[in-house]
Amino acid sequence: VGSGQALELGRRGEADALLVHSPEAEVKFV
C-alpha cells in the first residue's frame, strides 16, 4: 500500500513490521 496506509496499519496493530519511505511521517509515527 502507500506509506501512509502502511503506517496506519501499524497504528491499528494490523501489521507486525513496516517497510516504508516517508521519513517525516515515520518520525512522527514512531
PDB file of all heavy atoms in Angstrom:
ATOM      1  N   VAL A   1       0.862  -1.177   0.000  1.00  0.00           N
ATOM      2  CA  VAL A   1       0.000   0.000   0.000  1.00  0.00           C
ATOM      3  C   VAL A   1       0.903   1.233   0.000  1.00  0.00           C
ATOM      4  O   VAL A   1       2.118   1.120  -0.012  1.00  0.00           O
ATOM      5  CB  VAL A   1      -0.925   0.009   1.241  1.00  0.00           C
ATOM      6  CG1 VAL A   1      -1.939  -1.135   1.171  1.00  0.00           C
ATOM      7  CG2 VAL A   1      -0.121  -0.109   2.536  1.00  0.00           C
ATOM      8  N   GLY A   2       0.330   2.417   0.028  1.00  0.00           N
ATOM      9  CA  GLY A   2       1.142   3.612   0.179  1.00  0.00           C
ATOM     10  C   GLY A   2       1.743   3.673   1.577  1.00  0.00           C
ATOM     11  O   GLY A   2       1.234   3.042   2.518  1.00  0.00           O
ATOM     12  N   SER A   3       2.817   4.422   1.743  1.00  0.00           N
ATOM     13  CA  SER A   3       3.465   4.506   3.054  1.00  0.00           C
ATOM     14  C   SER A   3       2.502   5.004   4.129  1.00  0.00           C
ATOM     15  O   SER A   3       2.531   4.526   5.273  1.00  0.00           O
ATOM     16  CB  SER A   3       4.691   5.421   2.991  1.00  0.00           C
ATOM     17  OG  SER A   3       5.765   4.788   2.340  1.00  0.00           O
ATOM     18  N   GLY A   4       1.656   5.972   3.786  1.00  0.00           N
ATOM     19  CA  GLY A   4       0.684   6.481   4.758  1.00  0.00           C
ATOM     20  C   GLY A   4      -0.257   5.393   5.224  1.00  0.00           C
ATOM     21  O   GLY A   4      -0.562   5.281   6.421  1.00  0.00           O
ATOM     22  N   GLN A   5      -0.720   4.578   4.295  1.00  0.00           N
ATOM     23  CA  GLN A   5      -1.599   3.470   4.652  1.00  0.00           C
ATOM     24  C   GLN A   5      -0.850   2.408   5.457  1.00  0.00           C
ATOM     25  O   GLN A   5      -1.410   1.803   6.377  1.00  0.00           O
ATOM     26  CB  GLN A   5      -2.186   2.847   3.389  1.00  0.00           C
ATOM     27  CG  GLN A   5      -3.152   3.748   2.640  1.00  0.00           C
ATOM     28  CD  GLN A   5      -3.544   3.162   1.296  1.00  0.00           C
ATOM     29  OE1 GLN A   5      -2.788   3.228   0.324  1.00  0.00           O
ATOM     30  NE2 GLN A   5      -4.721   2.578   1.239  1.00  0.00           N
ATOM     31  N   ALA A   6       0.405   2.165   5.109  1.00  0.00           N
ATOM     32  CA  ALA A   6       1.215   1.200   5.865  1.00  0.00           C
ATOM     33  C   ALA A   6       1.382   1.655   7.313  1.00  0.00           C
ATOM     34  O   ALA A   6       1.270   0.851   8.247  1.00  0.00           O
ATOM     35  CB  ALA A   6       2.580   1.023   5.193  1.00  0.00           C
ATOM     36  N   LEU A   7       1.646   2.935   7.508  1.00  0.00           N
ATOM     37  CA  LEU A   7       1.776   3.462   8.864  1.00  0.00           C
ATOM     38  C   LEU A   7       0.461   3.328   9.623  1.00  0.00           C
ATOM     39  O   LEU A   7       0.454   3.016  10.824  1.00  0.00           O
ATOM     40  CB  LEU A   7       2.222   4.925   8.824  1.00  0.00           C
ATOM     41  CG  LEU A   7       3.635   5.187   8.295  1.00  0.00           C
ATOM     42  CD1 LEU A   7       3.872   6.684   8.137  1.00  0.00           C
ATOM     43  CD2 LEU A   7       4.691   4.574   9.193  1.00  0.00           C
ATOM     44  N   GLU A   8      -0.646   3.533   8.944  1.00  0.00           N
ATOM     45  CA  GLU A   8      -1.956   3.405   9.592  1.00  0.00           C
ATOM     46  C   GLU A   8      -2.224   1.959   9.992  1.00  0.00           C
ATOM     47  O   GLU A   8      -2.787   1.699  11.070  1.00  0.00           O
ATOM     48  CB  GLU A   8      -3.048   3.920   8.668  1.00  0.00           C
ATOM     49  CG  GLU A   8      -4.433   3.941   9.286  1.00  0.00           C
ATOM     50  CD  GLU A   8      -4.529   4.774  10.555  1.00  0.00           C
ATOM     51  OE1 GLU A   8      -3.790   5.783  10.676  1.00  0.00           O
ATOM     52  OE2 GLU A   8      -5.335   4.404  11.434  1.00  0.00           O
ATOM     53  N   LEU A   9      -1.823   1.007   9.153  1.00  0.00           N
ATOM     54  CA  LEU A   9      -1.964  -0.403   9.521  1.00  0.00           C
ATOM     55  C   LEU A   9      -1.153  -0.721  10.775  1.00  0.00           C
ATOM     56  O   LEU A   9      -1.607  -1.451  11.659  1.00  0.00           O
ATOM     57  CB  LEU A   9      -1.525  -1.297   8.360  1.00  0.00           C
ATOM     58  CG  LEU A   9      -2.463  -1.363   7.162  1.00  0.00           C
ATOM     59  CD1 LEU A   9      -1.795  -2.078   5.988  1.00  0.00           C
ATOM     60  CD2 LEU A   9      -3.772  -2.063   7.528  1.00  0.00           C
ATOM     61  N   GLY A  10       0.048  -0.158  10.842  1.00  0.00           N
ATOM     62  CA  GLY A  10       0.854  -0.333  12.040  1.00  0.00           C
ATOM     63  C   GLY A  10       0.197   0.310  13.248  1.00  0.00           C
ATOM     64  O   GLY A  10       0.161  -0.272  14.339  1.00  0.00           O
ATOM     65  N   ARG A  11      -0.342   1.493  13.068  1.00  0.00           N
ATOM     66  CA  ARG A  11      -1.002   2.226  14.164  1.00  0.00           C
ATOM     67  C   ARG A  11      -2.169   1.425  14.736  1.00  0.00           C
ATOM     68  O   ARG A  11      -2.424   1.444  15.940  1.00  0.00           O
ATOM     69  CB  ARG A  11      -1.474   3.578  13.632  1.00  0.00           C
ATOM     70  CG  ARG A  11      -2.051   4.508  14.675  1.00  0.00           C
ATOM     71  CD  ARG A  11      -2.376   5.864  14.069  1.00  0.00           C
ATOM     72  NE  ARG A  11      -1.162   6.653  13.828  1.00  0.00           N
ATOM     73  CZ  ARG A  11      -0.722   7.006  12.619  1.00  0.00           C
ATOM     74  NH1 ARG A  11      -1.368   6.619  11.518  1.00  0.00           N
ATOM     75  NH2 ARG A  11       0.378   7.728  12.500  1.00  0.00           N
ATOM     76  N   ARG A  12      -2.877   0.712  13.867  1.00  0.00           N
ATOM     77  CA  ARG A  12      -4.042  -0.072  14.301  1.00  0.00           C
ATOM     78  C   ARG A  12      -3.660  -1.481  14.762  1.00  0.00           C
ATOM     79  O   ARG A  12      -4.535  -2.277  15.104  1.00  0.00           O
ATOM     80  CB  ARG A  12      -5.054  -0.181  13.157  1.00  0.00           C
ATOM     81  CG  ARG A  12      -5.632   1.134  12.694  1.00  0.00           C
ATOM     82  CD  ARG A  12      -6.933   0.916  11.946  1.00  0.00           C
ATOM     83  NE  ARG A  12      -6.789   0.041  10.798  1.00  0.00           N
ATOM     84  CZ  ARG A  12      -6.707   0.460   9.529  1.00  0.00           C
ATOM     85  NH1 ARG A  12      -6.713   1.755   9.258  1.00  0.00           N
ATOM     86  NH2 ARG A  12      -6.590  -0.411   8.547  1.00  0.00           N
ATOM     87  N   GLY A  13      -2.380  -1.796  14.758  1.00  0.00           N
ATOM     88  CA  GLY A  13      -1.949  -3.129  15.176  1.00  0.00           C
ATOM     89  C   GLY A  13      -2.282  -4.197  14.165  1.00  0.00           C
ATOM     90  O   GLY A  13      -2.387  -5.373  14.517  1.00  0.00           O
ATOM     91  N   GLU A  14      -2.402  -3.824  12.903  1.00  0.00           N
ATOM     92  CA  GLU A  14      -2.760  -4.765  11.848  1.00  0.00           C
ATOM     93  C   GLU A  14      -1.562  -5.150  10.983  1.00  0.00           C
ATOM     94  O   GLU A  14      -1.724  -5.743   9.922  1.00  0.00           O
ATOM     95  CB  GLU A  14      -3.881  -4.183  10.991  1.00  0.00           C
ATOM     96  CG  GLU A  14      -5.176  -3.999  11.776  1.00  0.00           C
ATOM     97  CD  GLU A  14      -6.314  -3.458  10.951  1.00  0.00           C
ATOM     98  OE1 GLU A  14      -6.108  -3.236   9.733  1.00  0.00           O
ATOM     99  OE2 GLU A  14      -7.406  -3.244  11.501  1.00  0.00           O
ATOM    100  N   ALA A  15      -0.378  -4.809  11.426  1.00  0.00           N
ATOM    101  CA  ALA A  15       0.859  -5.229  10.763  1.00  0.00           C
ATOM    102  C   ALA A  15       1.925  -5.407  11.836  1.00  0.00           C
ATOM    103  O   ALA A  15       1.894  -4.731  12.874  1.00  0.00           O
ATOM    104  CB  ALA A  15       1.306  -4.201   9.730  1.00  0.00           C
ATOM    105  N   ASP A  16       2.836  -6.307  11.584  1.00  0.00           N
ATOM    106  CA  ASP A  16       3.899  -6.587  12.544  1.00  0.00           C
ATOM    107  C   ASP A  16       5.169  -5.782  12.251  1.00  0.00           C
ATOM    108  O   ASP A  16       5.901  -5.422  13.167  1.00  0.00           O
ATOM    109  CB  ASP A  16       4.228  -8.085  12.519  1.00  0.00           C
ATOM    110  CG  ASP A  16       3.000  -8.933  12.811  1.00  0.00           C
ATOM    111  OD1 ASP A  16       2.401  -8.752  13.881  1.00  0.00           O
ATOM    112  OD2 ASP A  16       2.624  -9.752  11.951  1.00  0.00           O
ATOM    113  N   ALA A  17       5.420  -5.539  10.974  1.00  0.00           N
ATOM    114  CA  ALA A  17       6.596  -4.762  10.571  1.00  0.00           C
ATOM    115  C   ALA A  17       6.209  -3.885   9.382  1.00  0.00           C
ATOM    116  O   ALA A  17       5.291  -4.207   8.621  1.00  0.00           O
ATOM    117  CB  ALA A  17       7.748  -5.685  10.192  1.00  0.00           C
ATOM    118  N   LEU A  18       6.909  -2.782   9.233  1.00  0.00           N
ATOM    119  CA  LEU A  18       6.650  -1.835   8.153  1.00  0.00           C
ATOM    120  C   LEU A  18       7.947  -1.596   7.383  1.00  0.00           C
ATOM    121  O   LEU A  18       9.017  -1.490   7.980  1.00  0.00           O
ATOM    122  CB  LEU A  18       6.148  -0.496   8.702  1.00  0.00           C
ATOM    123  CG  LEU A  18       5.092  -0.518   9.816  1.00  0.00           C
ATOM    124  CD1 LEU A  18       4.779   0.916  10.262  1.00  0.00           C
ATOM    125  CD2 LEU A  18       3.827  -1.212   9.357  1.00  0.00           C
ATOM    126  N   LEU A  19       7.845  -1.511   6.070  1.00  0.00           N
ATOM    127  CA  LEU A  19       8.977  -1.133   5.225  1.00  0.00           C
ATOM    128  C   LEU A  19       8.485   0.017   4.371  1.00  0.00           C
ATOM    129  O   LEU A  19       7.722  -0.174   3.422  1.00  0.00           O
ATOM    130  CB  LEU A  19       9.436  -2.306   4.355  1.00  0.00           C
ATOM    131  CG  LEU A  19      10.622  -2.049   3.421  1.00  0.00           C
ATOM    132  CD1 LEU A  19      11.859  -1.627   4.208  1.00  0.00           C
ATOM    133  CD2 LEU A  19      10.919  -3.282   2.569  1.00  0.00           C
ATOM    134  N   VAL A  20       8.890   1.244   4.723  1.00  0.00           N
ATOM    135  CA  VAL A  20       8.263   2.445   4.169  1.00  0.00           C
ATOM    136  C   VAL A  20       9.298   3.491   3.773  1.00  0.00           C
ATOM    137  O   VAL A  20      10.469   3.412   4.138  1.00  0.00           O
ATOM    138  CB  VAL A  20       7.267   3.041   5.188  1.00  0.00           C
ATOM    139  CG1 VAL A  20       6.007   2.174   5.276  1.00  0.00           C
ATOM    140  CG2 VAL A  20       7.886   3.147   6.594  1.00  0.00           C
ATOM    141  N   HIS A  21       8.826   4.510   3.033  1.00  0.00           N
ATOM    142  CA  HIS A  21       9.750   5.544   2.547  1.00  0.00           C
ATOM    143  C   HIS A  21       9.123   6.929   2.612  1.00  0.00           C
ATOM    144  O   HIS A  21       9.039   7.649   1.632  1.00  0.00           O
ATOM    145  CB  HIS A  21      10.238   5.218   1.120  1.00  0.00           C
ATOM    146  CG  HIS A  21       9.168   5.233   0.072  1.00  0.00           C
ATOM    147  ND1 HIS A  21       9.372   5.733  -1.200  1.00  0.00           N
ATOM    148  CD2 HIS A  21       7.887   4.817   0.081  1.00  0.00           C
ATOM    149  CE1 HIS A  21       8.271   5.615  -1.918  1.00  0.00           C
ATOM    150  NE2 HIS A  21       7.361   5.056  -1.159  1.00  0.00           N
ATOM    151  N   SER A  22       8.679   7.288   3.805  1.00  0.00           N
ATOM    152  CA  SER A  22       8.132   8.626   4.035  1.00  0.00           C
ATOM    153  C   SER A  22       8.714   9.148   5.351  1.00  0.00           C
ATOM    154  O   SER A  22       8.044   9.171   6.385  1.00  0.00           O
ATOM    155  CB  SER A  22       6.597   8.558   4.103  1.00  0.00           C
ATOM    156  OG  SER A  22       6.028   9.845   4.128  1.00  0.00           O
ATOM    157  N   PRO A  23       9.997   9.558   5.335  1.00  0.00           N
ATOM    158  CA  PRO A  23      10.736   9.829   6.576  1.00  0.00           C
ATOM    159  C   PRO A  23      10.065  10.776   7.570  1.00  0.00           C
ATOM    160  O   PRO A  23      10.053  10.487   8.771  1.00  0.00           O
ATOM    161  CB  PRO A  23      12.065  10.408   6.058  1.00  0.00           C
ATOM    162  CG  PRO A  23      12.256   9.743   4.735  1.00  0.00           C
ATOM    163  CD  PRO A  23      10.862   9.674   4.147  1.00  0.00           C
ATOM    164  N   GLU A  24       9.523  11.890   7.107  1.00  0.00           N
ATOM    165  CA  GLU A  24       8.913  12.830   8.044  1.00  0.00           C
ATOM    166  C   GLU A  24       7.725  12.210   8.759  1.00  0.00           C
ATOM    167  O   GLU A  24       7.562  12.348   9.973  1.00  0.00           O
ATOM    168  CB  GLU A  24       8.492  14.113   7.314  1.00  0.00           C
ATOM    169  CG  GLU A  24       9.662  14.966   6.862  1.00  0.00           C
ATOM    170  CD  GLU A  24       9.204  16.300   6.278  1.00  0.00           C
ATOM    171  OE1 GLU A  24       7.993  16.598   6.333  1.00  0.00           O
ATOM    172  OE2 GLU A  24      10.059  17.047   5.769  1.00  0.00           O
ATOM    173  N   ALA A  25       6.879  11.497   8.000  1.00  0.00           N
ATOM    174  CA  ALA A  25       5.722  10.836   8.603  1.00  0.00           C
ATOM    175  C   ALA A  25       6.160   9.715   9.530  1.00  0.00           C
ATOM    176  O   ALA A  25       5.532   9.479  10.576  1.00  0.00           O
ATOM    177  CB  ALA A  25       4.807  10.291   7.503  1.00  0.00           C
ATOM    178  N   GLU A  26       7.250   9.030   9.184  1.00  0.00           N
ATOM    179  CA  GLU A  26       7.748   7.932  10.018  1.00  0.00           C
ATOM    180  C   GLU A  26       8.212   8.442  11.378  1.00  0.00           C
ATOM    181  O   GLU A  26       7.934   7.824  12.416  1.00  0.00           O
ATOM    182  CB  GLU A  26       8.914   7.237   9.322  1.00  0.00           C
ATOM    183  CG  GLU A  26       8.560   6.512   8.040  1.00  0.00           C
ATOM    184  CD  GLU A  26       9.798   6.198   7.221  1.00  0.00           C
ATOM    185  OE1 GLU A  26      10.886   6.065   7.812  1.00  0.00           O
ATOM    186  OE2 GLU A  26       9.683   6.093   5.986  1.00  0.00           O
ATOM    187  N   VAL A  27       8.929   9.556  11.385  1.00  0.00           N
ATOM    188  CA  VAL A  27       9.429  10.115  12.640  1.00  0.00           C
ATOM    189  C   VAL A  27       8.262  10.471  13.564  1.00  0.00           C
ATOM    190  O   VAL A  27       8.277  10.165  14.771  1.00  0.00           O
ATOM    191  CB  VAL A  27      10.311  11.353  12.369  1.00  0.00           C
ATOM    192  CG1 VAL A  27      10.637  12.079  13.667  1.00  0.00           C
ATOM    193  CG2 VAL A  27      11.605  10.937  11.660  1.00  0.00           C
ATOM    194  N   LYS A  28       7.229  11.090  13.015  1.00  0.00           N
ATOM    195  CA  LYS A  28       6.048  11.435  13.812  1.00  0.00           C
ATOM    196  C   LYS A  28       5.356  10.174  14.320  1.00  0.00           C
ATOM    197  O   LYS A  28       4.880  10.124  15.452  1.00  0.00           O
ATOM    198  CB  LYS A  28       5.086  12.275  12.972  1.00  0.00           C
ATOM    199  CG  LYS A  28       5.626  13.646  12.604  1.00  0.00           C
ATOM    200  CD  LYS A  28       4.653  14.401  11.712  1.00  0.00           C
ATOM    201  CE  LYS A  28       5.208  15.758  11.309  1.00  0.00           C
ATOM    202  NZ  LYS A  28       4.297  16.476  10.372  1.00  0.00           N
ATOM    203  N   PHE A  29       5.287   9.163  13.464  1.00  0.00           N
ATOM    204  CA  PHE A  29       4.632   7.909  13.829  1.00  0.00           C
ATOM    205  C   PHE A  29       5.350   7.235  14.994  1.00  0.00           C
ATOM    206  O   PHE A  29       4.716   6.810  15.969  1.00  0.00           O
ATOM    207  CB  PHE A  29       4.608   6.989  12.610  1.00  0.00           C
ATOM    208  CG  PHE A  29       4.145   5.590  12.886  1.00  0.00           C
ATOM    209  CD1 PHE A  29       2.820   5.325  13.124  1.00  0.00           C
ATOM    210  CD2 PHE A  29       5.050   4.543  12.903  1.00  0.00           C
ATOM    211  CE1 PHE A  29       2.387   4.028  13.388  1.00  0.00           C
ATOM    212  CE2 PHE A  29       4.633   3.246  13.153  1.00  0.00           C
ATOM    213  CZ  PHE A  29       3.293   2.983  13.399  1.00  0.00           C
ATOM    214  N   VAL A  30       6.661   7.120  14.912  1.00  0.00           N
ATOM    215  CA  VAL A  30       7.431   6.470  15.974  1.00  0.00           C
ATOM    216  C   VAL A  30       7.283   7.244  17.288  1.00  0.00           C
ATOM    217  O   VAL A  30       7.214   6.647  18.374  1.00  0.00           O
ATOM    218  CB  VAL A  30       8.916   6.335  15.575  1.00  0.00           C
ATOM    219  CG1 VAL A  30       9.759   5.861  16.750  1.00  0.00           C
ATOM    220  CG2 VAL A  30       9.054   5.365  14.402  1.00  0.00           C
TER     221      VAL A  30
END
